[in-house]
Amino acid sequence: MPNWKHWSSFLAYGHGFPSLQELRIRKCQNLTGSLQSSLPSLKLLHIYRYLANKVENLQFQDCSHLKCTQLSKDLCQELKFLQDLDISDCDDLEFFSGRWMQTPNLASLSLSNCKNLGSMPEQMHTLHTSLQAFCLSYCPKLESFPNGGWPPNLYLLLIENCDHLTPQKDCGLNKMTLLTRMTIIVGCSDLKLFPEEGLLPASLISVQVVNYQSLKC
C-alpha cells in the first residue's frame, strides 16, 4: 500500500488492537507514525523492505511484551540514512541483535528502561563505526560491556542506573581516543574506588560520577 501514510487511519475505528501479538508490514514505504498506544500486547514485529527514503529516526517505545529486536539484512539495507535509534520502556526485551545492521550514519543509540536486557548490541566496534553518543539507562541486568570493544568514534557515554555495569580496566575505555564526555549515575552501590589507574582515556574533558554513596577515594 504505497499511498498509506498515517497510522491514524488504521486506528480511526476503535482504539487499536489490545490483544494483537504479531504484526507484519510489507512494502508500505510512506507509512509513518507511532504504534506505542495501539498495540500494547505486541510480541513480534516484522517489517519487510521498502521503507521510505531518508529514514533518519527509528524508535521502539513501550513495547512491554517485545522480547527481541532483530533487524533483517533486507531491512538494514533500507536504513542507510538512519541517524538516531531509541529503544525504551520495553520491559521484556532480552536481546538486541544488530547482526546485519550496517548503518553508516548512525550517530546516536539509546537503550533505556529495558529491565530484562541482558547484553549489549553485537559487534558495536565494527557495525556502528559512526556512533558518537551511546546512552544506557535503567537496564539493571546488563553486566558486561560490548564484546570486541567500543565504536571508534564515540565521544559521549552515559550509564545511568545500570547497577551491575561498572567500568573495569579490561572494558576498553582507555582505548577510546575520541571519548570526551562520560557520565555514570549510581552503578555498583559498593564501589569504593573510582577510577582505577589506567581505566580512562586521556581525551576526557568532562567526567561526572553521581550517587556512589560508598565511594571513598
N, C-alpha and C. Protein backbone atom coordinates (compact mmCIF):
# COMPACT_ATOMS: atom_id res chain seq x y z
N MET A 1 0.85 -1.19 0.00
CA MET A 1 0.00 0.00 0.00
C MET A 1 0.89 1.24 0.00
N PRO A 2 1.41 1.64 -1.15
CA PRO A 2 2.38 2.75 -1.20
C PRO A 2 1.79 4.10 -0.84
N ASN A 3 0.46 4.25 -0.88
CA ASN A 3 -0.15 5.54 -0.58
C ASN A 3 -0.58 5.69 0.88
N TRP A 4 -0.41 4.63 1.67
CA TRP A 4 -0.80 4.68 3.08
C TRP A 4 0.28 5.45 3.84
N LYS A 5 -0.11 6.54 4.52
CA LYS A 5 0.87 7.43 5.12
C LYS A 5 0.77 7.52 6.63
N HIS A 6 -0.41 7.31 7.21
CA HIS A 6 -0.56 7.59 8.64
C HIS A 6 -1.27 6.44 9.35
N TRP A 7 -0.78 6.13 10.54
CA TRP A 7 -1.43 5.10 11.35
C TRP A 7 -2.81 5.54 11.82
N SER A 8 -3.09 6.85 11.78
CA SER A 8 -4.38 7.35 12.28
C SER A 8 -5.55 6.71 11.55
N SER A 9 -5.38 6.41 10.26
CA SER A 9 -6.46 5.76 9.52
C SER A 9 -6.66 4.32 9.99
N PHE A 10 -5.60 3.72 10.45
CA PHE A 10 -5.63 2.35 10.97
C PHE A 10 -6.37 2.30 12.31
N LEU A 11 -6.33 3.40 13.05
CA LEU A 11 -6.88 3.43 14.39
C LEU A 11 -8.19 4.22 14.49
N ALA A 12 -8.70 4.66 13.37
CA ALA A 12 -9.85 5.56 13.40
C ALA A 12 -11.07 4.92 14.05
N TYR A 13 -11.25 3.63 13.86
CA TYR A 13 -12.42 2.95 14.40
C TYR A 13 -11.98 2.08 15.56
N GLY A 14 -12.20 2.57 16.77
CA GLY A 14 -11.77 1.84 17.95
C GLY A 14 -10.45 2.38 18.46
N HIS A 15 -9.80 1.60 19.27
CA HIS A 15 -8.56 2.03 19.93
C HIS A 15 -7.45 1.02 19.69
N GLY A 16 -7.22 0.69 18.43
CA GLY A 16 -6.16 -0.23 18.13
C GLY A 16 -6.57 -1.67 18.36
N PHE A 17 -5.57 -2.52 18.59
CA PHE A 17 -5.80 -3.94 18.80
C PHE A 17 -5.10 -4.36 20.09
N PRO A 18 -5.78 -4.31 21.22
CA PRO A 18 -5.13 -4.54 22.50
C PRO A 18 -4.61 -5.96 22.69
N SER A 19 -5.09 -6.94 21.91
CA SER A 19 -4.64 -8.32 22.07
C SER A 19 -3.70 -8.79 20.97
N LEU A 20 -3.44 -7.94 19.97
CA LEU A 20 -2.61 -8.34 18.84
C LEU A 20 -1.17 -8.58 19.28
N GLN A 21 -0.61 -9.75 18.91
CA GLN A 21 0.74 -10.11 19.33
C GLN A 21 1.75 -10.10 18.19
N GLU A 22 1.29 -10.24 16.95
CA GLU A 22 2.22 -10.28 15.83
C GLU A 22 1.71 -9.38 14.70
N LEU A 23 2.62 -8.59 14.14
CA LEU A 23 2.26 -7.66 13.08
C LEU A 23 3.33 -7.73 11.98
N ARG A 24 2.88 -7.83 10.73
CA ARG A 24 3.79 -7.83 9.59
C ARG A 24 3.44 -6.66 8.67
N ILE A 25 4.43 -5.88 8.30
CA ILE A 25 4.24 -4.73 7.43
C ILE A 25 5.13 -4.93 6.21
N ARG A 26 4.54 -4.90 5.03
CA ARG A 26 5.30 -5.17 3.80
C ARG A 26 5.02 -4.08 2.76
N LYS A 27 6.08 -3.50 2.24
CA LYS A 27 6.01 -2.55 1.14
C LYS A 27 5.03 -1.40 1.40
N CYS A 28 5.13 -0.80 2.57
CA CYS A 28 4.35 0.41 2.89
C CYS A 28 5.38 1.53 3.08
N GLN A 29 5.96 1.99 2.01
CA GLN A 29 7.14 2.83 2.09
C GLN A 29 6.89 4.23 2.60
N ASN A 30 5.64 4.67 2.65
CA ASN A 30 5.35 6.03 3.13
C ASN A 30 4.64 6.05 4.48
N LEU A 31 4.55 4.91 5.12
CA LEU A 31 3.84 4.81 6.39
C LEU A 31 4.67 5.38 7.53
N THR A 32 4.08 6.30 8.28
CA THR A 32 4.76 6.91 9.41
C THR A 32 3.83 6.91 10.61
N GLY A 33 4.39 7.24 11.78
CA GLY A 33 3.57 7.36 12.98
C GLY A 33 4.04 6.45 14.09
N SER A 34 3.27 6.40 15.17
CA SER A 34 3.63 5.65 16.36
C SER A 34 2.61 4.57 16.65
N LEU A 35 3.12 3.41 17.11
CA LEU A 35 2.25 2.28 17.45
C LEU A 35 2.15 2.05 18.95
N GLN A 36 2.85 2.85 19.74
CA GLN A 36 3.05 2.51 21.13
C GLN A 36 1.76 2.39 21.94
N SER A 37 0.72 3.15 21.61
CA SER A 37 -0.50 3.10 22.40
C SER A 37 -1.55 2.18 21.81
N SER A 38 -1.30 1.69 20.58
CA SER A 38 -2.33 0.92 19.90
C SER A 38 -2.10 -0.58 19.95
N LEU A 39 -0.89 -1.02 20.24
CA LEU A 39 -0.57 -2.44 20.25
C LEU A 39 0.16 -2.82 21.54
N PRO A 40 -0.52 -2.76 22.67
CA PRO A 40 0.15 -3.00 23.95
C PRO A 40 0.62 -4.43 24.15
N SER A 41 0.07 -5.39 23.40
CA SER A 41 0.44 -6.80 23.58
C SER A 41 1.40 -7.30 22.52
N LEU A 42 1.94 -6.39 21.69
CA LEU A 42 2.80 -6.80 20.58
C LEU A 42 4.04 -7.54 21.07
N LYS A 43 4.28 -8.73 20.49
CA LYS A 43 5.45 -9.52 20.82
C LYS A 43 6.41 -9.66 19.65
N LEU A 44 5.89 -9.59 18.45
CA LEU A 44 6.73 -9.82 17.27
C LEU A 44 6.34 -8.83 16.18
N LEU A 45 7.32 -8.10 15.67
CA LEU A 45 7.09 -7.12 14.61
C LEU A 45 8.01 -7.42 13.44
N HIS A 46 7.41 -7.63 12.26
CA HIS A 46 8.18 -7.86 11.04
C HIS A 46 7.97 -6.66 10.11
N ILE A 47 9.05 -6.09 9.61
CA ILE A 47 8.96 -5.03 8.62
C ILE A 47 9.75 -5.49 7.39
N TYR A 48 9.05 -5.60 6.27
CA TYR A 48 9.65 -6.13 5.06
C TYR A 48 9.87 -5.04 4.02
N ARG A 49 11.07 -4.74 3.71
CA ARG A 49 11.50 -3.97 2.55
C ARG A 49 10.75 -2.65 2.30
N TYR A 50 11.41 -1.83 1.55
CA TYR A 50 10.85 -0.59 1.02
C TYR A 50 10.31 0.36 2.09
N LEU A 51 11.17 0.71 3.02
CA LEU A 51 10.82 1.83 3.90
C LEU A 51 10.98 3.12 3.10
N ALA A 52 10.41 4.20 3.61
CA ALA A 52 10.56 5.49 2.92
C ALA A 52 12.03 5.91 2.91
N ASN A 53 12.46 6.60 1.80
CA ASN A 53 13.83 7.11 1.72
C ASN A 53 14.02 8.19 2.82
N LYS A 54 15.22 8.22 3.29
CA LYS A 54 15.77 9.13 4.30
C LYS A 54 15.12 8.94 5.65
N VAL A 55 14.89 7.76 5.95
CA VAL A 55 14.50 7.32 7.32
C VAL A 55 15.68 7.65 8.24
N GLU A 56 15.53 8.64 9.08
CA GLU A 56 16.63 9.11 9.92
C GLU A 56 16.45 8.76 11.39
N ASN A 57 15.20 8.55 11.82
CA ASN A 57 14.95 8.27 13.24
C ASN A 57 14.05 7.05 13.37
N LEU A 58 14.45 6.12 14.24
CA LEU A 58 13.67 4.91 14.48
C LEU A 58 13.55 4.71 15.99
N GLN A 59 12.30 4.50 16.44
CA GLN A 59 12.06 4.40 17.88
C GLN A 59 11.16 3.22 18.19
N PHE A 60 11.58 2.42 19.16
CA PHE A 60 10.74 1.38 19.76
C PHE A 60 10.44 1.84 21.18
N GLN A 61 9.18 2.09 21.49
CA GLN A 61 8.84 2.62 22.81
C GLN A 61 7.62 1.92 23.38
N ASP A 62 7.73 1.53 24.66
CA ASP A 62 6.60 0.97 25.40
C ASP A 62 6.05 -0.30 24.74
N CYS A 63 6.94 -1.13 24.20
CA CYS A 63 6.54 -2.45 23.68
C CYS A 63 6.82 -3.44 24.80
N SER A 64 5.91 -3.50 25.76
CA SER A 64 6.18 -4.19 27.02
C SER A 64 6.33 -5.70 26.88
N HIS A 65 5.83 -6.29 25.79
CA HIS A 65 5.93 -7.74 25.62
C HIS A 65 6.97 -8.15 24.58
N LEU A 66 7.64 -7.18 23.98
CA LEU A 66 8.63 -7.48 22.96
C LEU A 66 9.88 -8.07 23.60
N LYS A 67 10.30 -9.26 23.14
CA LYS A 67 11.44 -9.95 23.75
C LYS A 67 12.73 -9.79 22.96
N CYS A 68 12.62 -9.53 21.65
CA CYS A 68 13.82 -9.47 20.84
C CYS A 68 13.60 -8.49 19.69
N THR A 69 14.60 -7.67 19.41
CA THR A 69 14.59 -6.86 18.19
C THR A 69 15.68 -7.39 17.29
N GLN A 70 15.30 -7.83 16.12
CA GLN A 70 16.26 -8.38 15.18
C GLN A 70 15.98 -7.80 13.81
N LEU A 71 16.90 -7.02 13.30
CA LEU A 71 16.73 -6.36 12.02
C LEU A 71 17.29 -7.25 10.93
N SER A 72 16.46 -7.56 9.93
CA SER A 72 16.89 -8.42 8.85
C SER A 72 17.88 -7.70 7.95
N LYS A 73 18.60 -8.46 7.14
CA LYS A 73 19.57 -7.88 6.22
C LYS A 73 18.90 -6.94 5.23
N ASP A 74 17.72 -7.35 4.73
CA ASP A 74 16.99 -6.52 3.77
C ASP A 74 16.57 -5.20 4.39
N LEU A 75 16.07 -5.25 5.63
CA LEU A 75 15.63 -4.02 6.29
C LEU A 75 16.81 -3.09 6.54
N CYS A 76 17.93 -3.65 6.97
CA CYS A 76 19.08 -2.80 7.28
C CYS A 76 19.62 -2.08 6.04
N GLN A 77 19.45 -2.68 4.89
CA GLN A 77 19.86 -2.01 3.66
C GLN A 77 19.02 -0.77 3.41
N GLU A 78 17.80 -0.74 3.97
CA GLU A 78 16.93 0.43 3.81
C GLU A 78 17.23 1.51 4.86
N LEU A 79 18.12 1.21 5.81
CA LEU A 79 18.37 2.14 6.92
C LEU A 79 19.71 2.85 6.79
N LYS A 80 20.17 3.03 5.58
CA LYS A 80 21.49 3.62 5.40
C LYS A 80 21.54 5.09 5.82
N PHE A 81 20.37 5.73 5.92
CA PHE A 81 20.34 7.13 6.36
C PHE A 81 19.99 7.28 7.84
N LEU A 82 19.80 6.15 8.53
CA LEU A 82 19.40 6.20 9.93
C LEU A 82 20.47 6.89 10.79
N GLN A 83 20.03 7.86 11.58
CA GLN A 83 20.96 8.61 12.43
C GLN A 83 20.71 8.38 13.91
N ASP A 84 19.44 8.15 14.30
CA ASP A 84 19.11 8.00 15.71
C ASP A 84 18.26 6.75 15.92
N LEU A 85 18.65 5.92 16.87
CA LEU A 85 17.89 4.73 17.23
C LEU A 85 17.63 4.76 18.73
N ASP A 86 16.36 4.68 19.11
CA ASP A 86 15.96 4.79 20.51
C ASP A 86 15.06 3.62 20.88
N ILE A 87 15.47 2.83 21.85
CA ILE A 87 14.66 1.71 22.34
C ILE A 87 14.41 1.95 23.83
N SER A 88 13.13 2.11 24.20
CA SER A 88 12.84 2.47 25.59
C SER A 88 11.56 1.81 26.08
N ASP A 89 11.50 1.58 27.39
CA ASP A 89 10.30 1.06 28.06
C ASP A 89 9.84 -0.27 27.46
N CYS A 90 10.78 -1.13 27.12
CA CYS A 90 10.47 -2.47 26.63
C CYS A 90 10.88 -3.46 27.72
N ASP A 91 9.99 -3.68 28.67
CA ASP A 91 10.33 -4.42 29.89
C ASP A 91 10.77 -5.85 29.64
N ASP A 92 10.22 -6.51 28.61
CA ASP A 92 10.55 -7.91 28.35
C ASP A 92 11.69 -8.10 27.37
N LEU A 93 12.22 -7.01 26.84
CA LEU A 93 13.28 -7.13 25.85
C LEU A 93 14.53 -7.76 26.48
N GLU A 94 14.96 -8.89 25.92
CA GLU A 94 16.11 -9.61 26.45
C GLU A 94 17.33 -9.51 25.55
N PHE A 95 17.10 -9.31 24.26
CA PHE A 95 18.19 -9.42 23.30
C PHE A 95 18.01 -8.40 22.19
N PHE A 96 19.06 -7.65 21.93
CA PHE A 96 19.04 -6.70 20.82
C PHE A 96 20.09 -7.15 19.82
N SER A 97 19.64 -7.57 18.64
CA SER A 97 20.55 -8.09 17.63
C SER A 97 20.79 -7.04 16.55
N GLY A 98 22.04 -6.79 16.27
CA GLY A 98 22.39 -5.91 15.17
C GLY A 98 23.23 -6.62 14.14
N ARG A 99 23.00 -7.92 13.98
CA ARG A 99 23.85 -8.76 13.14
C ARG A 99 24.07 -8.19 11.74
N TRP A 100 22.98 -7.75 11.13
CA TRP A 100 23.09 -7.23 9.77
C TRP A 100 23.06 -5.70 9.73
N MET A 101 23.21 -5.09 10.87
CA MET A 101 22.91 -3.67 10.95
C MET A 101 24.06 -2.81 10.43
N GLN A 102 24.11 -2.65 9.12
CA GLN A 102 25.09 -1.77 8.50
C GLN A 102 24.47 -0.38 8.39
N THR A 103 24.72 0.44 9.37
CA THR A 103 24.13 1.79 9.41
C THR A 103 25.27 2.81 9.44
N PRO A 104 25.77 3.20 8.28
CA PRO A 104 26.97 4.04 8.23
C PRO A 104 26.77 5.44 8.80
N ASN A 105 25.52 5.86 9.00
CA ASN A 105 25.26 7.21 9.50
C ASN A 105 24.67 7.24 10.91
N LEU A 106 24.57 6.08 11.56
CA LEU A 106 24.00 6.05 12.91
C LEU A 106 24.92 6.80 13.87
N ALA A 107 24.41 7.89 14.45
CA ALA A 107 25.22 8.73 15.32
C ALA A 107 24.83 8.60 16.78
N SER A 108 23.57 8.22 17.06
CA SER A 108 23.09 8.18 18.44
C SER A 108 22.30 6.90 18.69
N LEU A 109 22.64 6.20 19.78
CA LEU A 109 21.93 4.99 20.17
C LEU A 109 21.58 5.09 21.65
N SER A 110 20.29 4.88 21.96
CA SER A 110 19.82 4.98 23.34
C SER A 110 19.03 3.73 23.71
N LEU A 111 19.39 3.09 24.83
CA LEU A 111 18.66 1.96 25.38
C LEU A 111 18.27 2.32 26.80
N SER A 112 16.96 2.42 27.06
CA SER A 112 16.53 2.85 28.38
C SER A 112 15.30 2.09 28.86
N ASN A 113 15.23 1.87 30.16
CA ASN A 113 14.10 1.20 30.80
C ASN A 113 13.79 -0.16 30.16
N CYS A 114 14.82 -0.91 29.90
CA CYS A 114 14.69 -2.28 29.39
C CYS A 114 15.17 -3.20 30.51
N LYS A 115 14.26 -3.57 31.39
CA LYS A 115 14.62 -4.19 32.66
C LYS A 115 15.20 -5.59 32.53
N ASN A 116 14.93 -6.27 31.40
CA ASN A 116 15.43 -7.63 31.22
C ASN A 116 16.50 -7.75 30.15
N LEU A 117 16.97 -6.63 29.64
CA LEU A 117 18.02 -6.66 28.62
C LEU A 117 19.30 -7.21 29.23
N GLY A 118 19.80 -8.32 28.65
CA GLY A 118 20.95 -8.99 29.25
C GLY A 118 22.27 -8.75 28.57
N SER A 119 22.26 -8.19 27.36
CA SER A 119 23.51 -7.97 26.65
C SER A 119 23.39 -6.76 25.72
N MET A 120 24.54 -6.20 25.41
CA MET A 120 24.56 -5.05 24.51
C MET A 120 24.51 -5.52 23.05
N PRO A 121 24.25 -4.60 22.12
CA PRO A 121 24.25 -4.97 20.71
C PRO A 121 25.56 -5.62 20.29
N GLU A 122 25.47 -6.55 19.34
CA GLU A 122 26.64 -7.28 18.88
C GLU A 122 27.55 -6.43 18.00
N GLN A 123 28.84 -6.70 18.08
CA GLN A 123 29.84 -6.15 17.16
C GLN A 123 29.73 -4.64 16.99
N MET A 124 29.58 -3.94 18.09
CA MET A 124 29.43 -2.49 18.00
C MET A 124 30.66 -1.83 17.39
N HIS A 125 31.84 -2.39 17.62
CA HIS A 125 33.08 -1.77 17.14
C HIS A 125 33.24 -1.84 15.63
N THR A 126 32.52 -2.76 14.98
CA THR A 126 32.62 -2.86 13.53
C THR A 126 31.34 -2.45 12.81
N LEU A 127 30.18 -2.62 13.45
CA LEU A 127 28.90 -2.33 12.80
C LEU A 127 28.44 -0.89 13.01
N HIS A 128 28.93 -0.23 14.05
CA HIS A 128 28.47 1.12 14.39
C HIS A 128 29.65 2.08 14.46
N THR A 129 30.42 2.12 13.41
CA THR A 129 31.65 2.91 13.43
C THR A 129 31.40 4.42 13.44
N SER A 130 30.20 4.86 13.05
CA SER A 130 29.89 6.29 13.05
C SER A 130 29.22 6.75 14.35
N LEU A 131 28.98 5.81 15.27
CA LEU A 131 28.27 6.15 16.51
C LEU A 131 29.08 7.14 17.34
N GLN A 132 28.41 8.23 17.75
CA GLN A 132 29.06 9.27 18.53
C GLN A 132 28.55 9.35 19.96
N ALA A 133 27.27 9.02 20.17
CA ALA A 133 26.67 9.11 21.51
C ALA A 133 25.96 7.79 21.84
N PHE A 134 26.25 7.25 23.01
CA PHE A 134 25.67 5.99 23.45
C PHE A 134 25.16 6.18 24.87
N CYS A 135 23.83 5.99 25.05
CA CYS A 135 23.20 6.21 26.35
C CYS A 135 22.53 4.94 26.84
N LEU A 136 22.89 4.51 28.04
CA LEU A 136 22.29 3.35 28.68
C LEU A 136 21.68 3.80 29.99
N SER A 137 20.39 3.51 30.19
CA SER A 137 19.79 3.91 31.46
C SER A 137 18.72 2.91 31.89
N TYR A 138 18.72 2.60 33.17
CA TYR A 138 17.73 1.72 33.79
C TYR A 138 17.65 0.36 33.07
N CYS A 139 18.81 -0.24 32.90
CA CYS A 139 18.91 -1.61 32.37
C CYS A 139 19.64 -2.44 33.42
N PRO A 140 18.95 -2.87 34.48
CA PRO A 140 19.61 -3.44 35.66
C PRO A 140 20.27 -4.80 35.43
N LYS A 141 19.92 -5.52 34.36
CA LYS A 141 20.50 -6.85 34.14
C LYS A 141 21.76 -6.84 33.27
N LEU A 142 22.09 -5.68 32.73
CA LEU A 142 23.33 -5.59 31.96
C LEU A 142 24.52 -5.74 32.90
N GLU A 143 25.43 -6.64 32.55
CA GLU A 143 26.58 -6.90 33.42
C GLU A 143 27.92 -6.72 32.71
N SER A 144 27.92 -6.65 31.38
CA SER A 144 29.18 -6.56 30.66
C SER A 144 29.11 -5.54 29.55
N PHE A 145 30.27 -5.02 29.18
CA PHE A 145 30.37 -4.04 28.11
C PHE A 145 30.47 -4.75 26.76
N PRO A 146 30.44 -4.02 25.64
CA PRO A 146 30.37 -4.66 24.32
C PRO A 146 31.52 -5.63 24.06
N ASN A 147 31.19 -6.80 23.54
CA ASN A 147 32.21 -7.74 23.13
C ASN A 147 32.98 -7.19 21.94
N GLY A 148 34.28 -7.27 22.00
CA GLY A 148 35.10 -6.81 20.88
C GLY A 148 35.54 -5.36 20.99
N GLY A 149 34.86 -4.58 21.82
CA GLY A 149 35.27 -3.19 22.00
C GLY A 149 34.18 -2.19 21.67
N TRP A 150 34.55 -0.92 21.80
CA TRP A 150 33.61 0.18 21.63
C TRP A 150 33.69 0.74 20.21
N PRO A 151 32.62 1.42 19.77
CA PRO A 151 32.69 2.12 18.48
C PRO A 151 33.82 3.13 18.49
N PRO A 152 34.62 3.20 17.44
CA PRO A 152 35.85 4.00 17.47
C PRO A 152 35.64 5.50 17.53
N ASN A 153 34.45 5.99 17.11
CA ASN A 153 34.22 7.44 17.07
C ASN A 153 33.33 7.95 18.19
N LEU A 154 33.14 7.14 19.21
CA LEU A 154 32.27 7.53 20.33
C LEU A 154 32.91 8.67 21.13
N TYR A 155 32.12 9.73 21.34
CA TYR A 155 32.64 10.84 22.16
C TYR A 155 31.81 11.07 23.41
N LEU A 156 30.60 10.51 23.50
CA LEU A 156 29.76 10.70 24.68
C LEU A 156 29.23 9.35 25.16
N LEU A 157 29.40 9.07 26.44
CA LEU A 157 28.92 7.82 27.03
C LEU A 157 28.17 8.14 28.32
N LEU A 158 26.91 7.69 28.40
CA LEU A 158 26.09 7.87 29.60
C LEU A 158 25.66 6.50 30.11
N ILE A 159 25.95 6.22 31.38
CA ILE A 159 25.49 4.99 32.03
C ILE A 159 24.73 5.42 33.28
N GLU A 160 23.43 5.13 33.30
CA GLU A 160 22.58 5.58 34.39
C GLU A 160 21.75 4.42 34.95
N ASN A 161 21.88 4.19 36.24
CA ASN A 161 21.10 3.17 36.94
C ASN A 161 21.16 1.80 36.26
N CYS A 162 22.36 1.42 35.86
CA CYS A 162 22.64 0.05 35.43
C CYS A 162 23.53 -0.55 36.52
N ASP A 163 22.89 -1.08 37.56
CA ASP A 163 23.57 -1.35 38.83
C ASP A 163 24.68 -2.39 38.75
N HIS A 164 24.68 -3.23 37.71
CA HIS A 164 25.71 -4.25 37.60
C HIS A 164 26.72 -3.94 36.51
N LEU A 165 26.67 -2.73 36.02
CA LEU A 165 27.56 -2.34 34.93
C LEU A 165 28.53 -1.28 35.45
N THR A 166 29.68 -1.74 35.90
CA THR A 166 30.68 -0.84 36.46
C THR A 166 31.94 -0.89 35.61
N PRO A 167 32.45 0.26 35.17
CA PRO A 167 33.65 0.26 34.33
C PRO A 167 34.84 -0.42 35.01
N GLN A 168 35.42 -1.41 34.33
CA GLN A 168 36.62 -2.10 34.78
C GLN A 168 37.75 -1.82 33.79
N LYS A 169 38.97 -2.07 34.23
CA LYS A 169 40.12 -1.76 33.39
C LYS A 169 40.10 -2.54 32.07
N ASP A 170 39.55 -3.74 32.09
CA ASP A 170 39.57 -4.57 30.88
C ASP A 170 38.40 -4.29 29.94
N CYS A 171 37.57 -3.26 30.20
CA CYS A 171 36.43 -2.99 29.34
C CYS A 171 36.79 -2.14 28.13
N GLY A 172 38.02 -1.67 28.06
CA GLY A 172 38.49 -0.98 26.87
C GLY A 172 38.26 0.51 26.81
N LEU A 173 37.81 1.12 27.89
CA LEU A 173 37.57 2.56 27.88
C LEU A 173 38.84 3.34 27.57
N ASN A 174 39.98 2.87 28.06
CA ASN A 174 41.23 3.61 27.88
C ASN A 174 41.69 3.65 26.43
N LYS A 175 41.08 2.84 25.56
CA LYS A 175 41.44 2.83 24.14
C LYS A 175 40.54 3.74 23.30
N MET A 176 39.57 4.38 23.94
CA MET A 176 38.63 5.25 23.23
C MET A 176 39.23 6.65 23.13
N THR A 177 40.00 6.87 22.07
CA THR A 177 40.80 8.09 21.97
C THR A 177 39.98 9.34 21.65
N LEU A 178 38.70 9.18 21.26
CA LEU A 178 37.86 10.34 20.95
C LEU A 178 36.83 10.63 22.04
N LEU A 179 36.77 9.78 23.07
CA LEU A 179 35.79 9.99 24.14
C LEU A 179 36.13 11.23 24.95
N THR A 180 35.20 12.20 24.99
CA THR A 180 35.45 13.45 25.71
C THR A 180 34.52 13.64 26.90
N ARG A 181 33.33 12.99 26.88
CA ARG A 181 32.37 13.20 27.96
C ARG A 181 31.80 11.87 28.44
N MET A 182 31.82 11.66 29.75
CA MET A 182 31.30 10.43 30.33
C MET A 182 30.56 10.75 31.62
N THR A 183 29.37 10.17 31.75
CA THR A 183 28.57 10.33 32.97
C THR A 183 28.16 8.95 33.47
N ILE A 184 28.40 8.69 34.76
CA ILE A 184 27.99 7.44 35.39
C ILE A 184 27.15 7.80 36.61
N ILE A 185 25.90 7.34 36.62
CA ILE A 185 24.99 7.64 37.72
C ILE A 185 24.61 6.35 38.43
N VAL A 186 24.78 6.33 39.75
CA VAL A 186 24.52 5.19 40.63
C VAL A 186 25.48 4.06 40.31
N GLY A 187 25.12 3.08 39.46
CA GLY A 187 26.01 1.96 39.20
C GLY A 187 26.13 1.08 40.43
N CYS A 188 27.30 0.45 40.57
CA CYS A 188 27.52 -0.51 41.67
C CYS A 188 27.54 0.23 43.00
N SER A 189 26.65 -0.15 43.90
CA SER A 189 26.48 0.61 45.14
C SER A 189 27.64 0.46 46.11
N ASP A 190 28.45 -0.61 45.98
CA ASP A 190 29.53 -0.81 46.94
C ASP A 190 30.90 -0.39 46.40
N LEU A 191 30.93 0.35 45.30
CA LEU A 191 32.19 0.80 44.74
C LEU A 191 32.86 1.80 45.68
N LYS A 192 34.14 1.54 46.02
CA LYS A 192 34.85 2.41 46.96
C LYS A 192 35.96 3.22 46.32
N LEU A 193 36.42 2.79 45.14
CA LEU A 193 37.50 3.48 44.45
C LEU A 193 37.11 3.70 43.00
N PHE A 194 37.24 4.94 42.52
CA PHE A 194 36.98 5.24 41.11
C PHE A 194 37.71 6.51 40.71
N PRO A 195 38.34 6.54 39.54
CA PRO A 195 38.61 5.39 38.68
C PRO A 195 39.90 4.71 39.06
N GLU A 196 40.01 3.42 38.76
CA GLU A 196 41.28 2.75 38.99
C GLU A 196 42.29 3.23 37.94
N GLU A 197 43.55 3.11 38.26
CA GLU A 197 44.60 3.62 37.39
C GLU A 197 44.55 2.96 36.01
N GLY A 198 44.61 3.79 34.98
CA GLY A 198 44.61 3.29 33.61
C GLY A 198 43.24 2.98 33.04
N LEU A 199 42.17 3.31 33.77
CA LEU A 199 40.83 2.98 33.31
C LEU A 199 40.34 3.92 32.21
N LEU A 200 40.60 5.21 32.36
CA LEU A 200 40.00 6.22 31.49
C LEU A 200 40.99 6.73 30.45
N PRO A 201 40.48 7.14 29.29
CA PRO A 201 41.36 7.70 28.25
C PRO A 201 41.75 9.14 28.55
N ALA A 202 42.87 9.55 27.99
CA ALA A 202 43.37 10.91 28.22
C ALA A 202 42.55 11.96 27.51
N SER A 203 41.67 11.55 26.59
CA SER A 203 40.89 12.50 25.81
C SER A 203 39.74 13.13 26.58
N LEU A 204 39.39 12.58 27.75
CA LEU A 204 38.23 13.07 28.50
C LEU A 204 38.42 14.51 28.96
N ILE A 205 37.37 15.31 28.76
CA ILE A 205 37.37 16.68 29.29
C ILE A 205 36.26 16.86 30.32
N SER A 206 35.32 15.90 30.41
CA SER A 206 34.24 16.00 31.38
C SER A 206 33.89 14.61 31.91
N VAL A 207 33.93 14.45 33.24
CA VAL A 207 33.56 13.19 33.89
C VAL A 207 32.62 13.51 35.04
N GLN A 208 31.47 12.85 35.06
CA GLN A 208 30.52 13.01 36.16
C GLN A 208 30.27 11.65 36.81
N VAL A 209 30.44 11.59 38.11
CA VAL A 209 30.17 10.37 38.88
C VAL A 209 29.16 10.75 39.96
N VAL A 210 27.96 10.14 39.91
CA VAL A 210 26.85 10.61 40.74
C VAL A 210 26.28 9.47 41.59
N ASN A 211 26.01 9.74 42.85
CA ASN A 211 25.27 8.86 43.76
C ASN A 211 26.00 7.56 44.11
N TYR A 212 27.33 7.59 44.11
CA TYR A 212 28.08 6.45 44.64
C TYR A 212 28.29 6.68 46.13
N GLN A 213 27.39 6.21 46.94
CA GLN A 213 27.39 6.53 48.35
C GLN A 213 28.51 5.86 49.12
N SER A 214 29.08 4.76 48.57
CA SER A 214 30.17 4.07 49.25
C SER A 214 31.54 4.53 48.78
N LEU A 215 31.60 5.45 47.82
CA LEU A 215 32.87 5.88 47.26
C LEU A 215 33.70 6.61 48.30
N LYS A 216 34.98 6.16 48.47
CA LYS A 216 35.87 6.76 49.46
C LYS A 216 37.06 7.47 48.82
N CYS A 217 37.40 7.05 47.63
CA CYS A 217 38.65 7.58 47.04
C CYS A 217 38.50 7.74 45.54
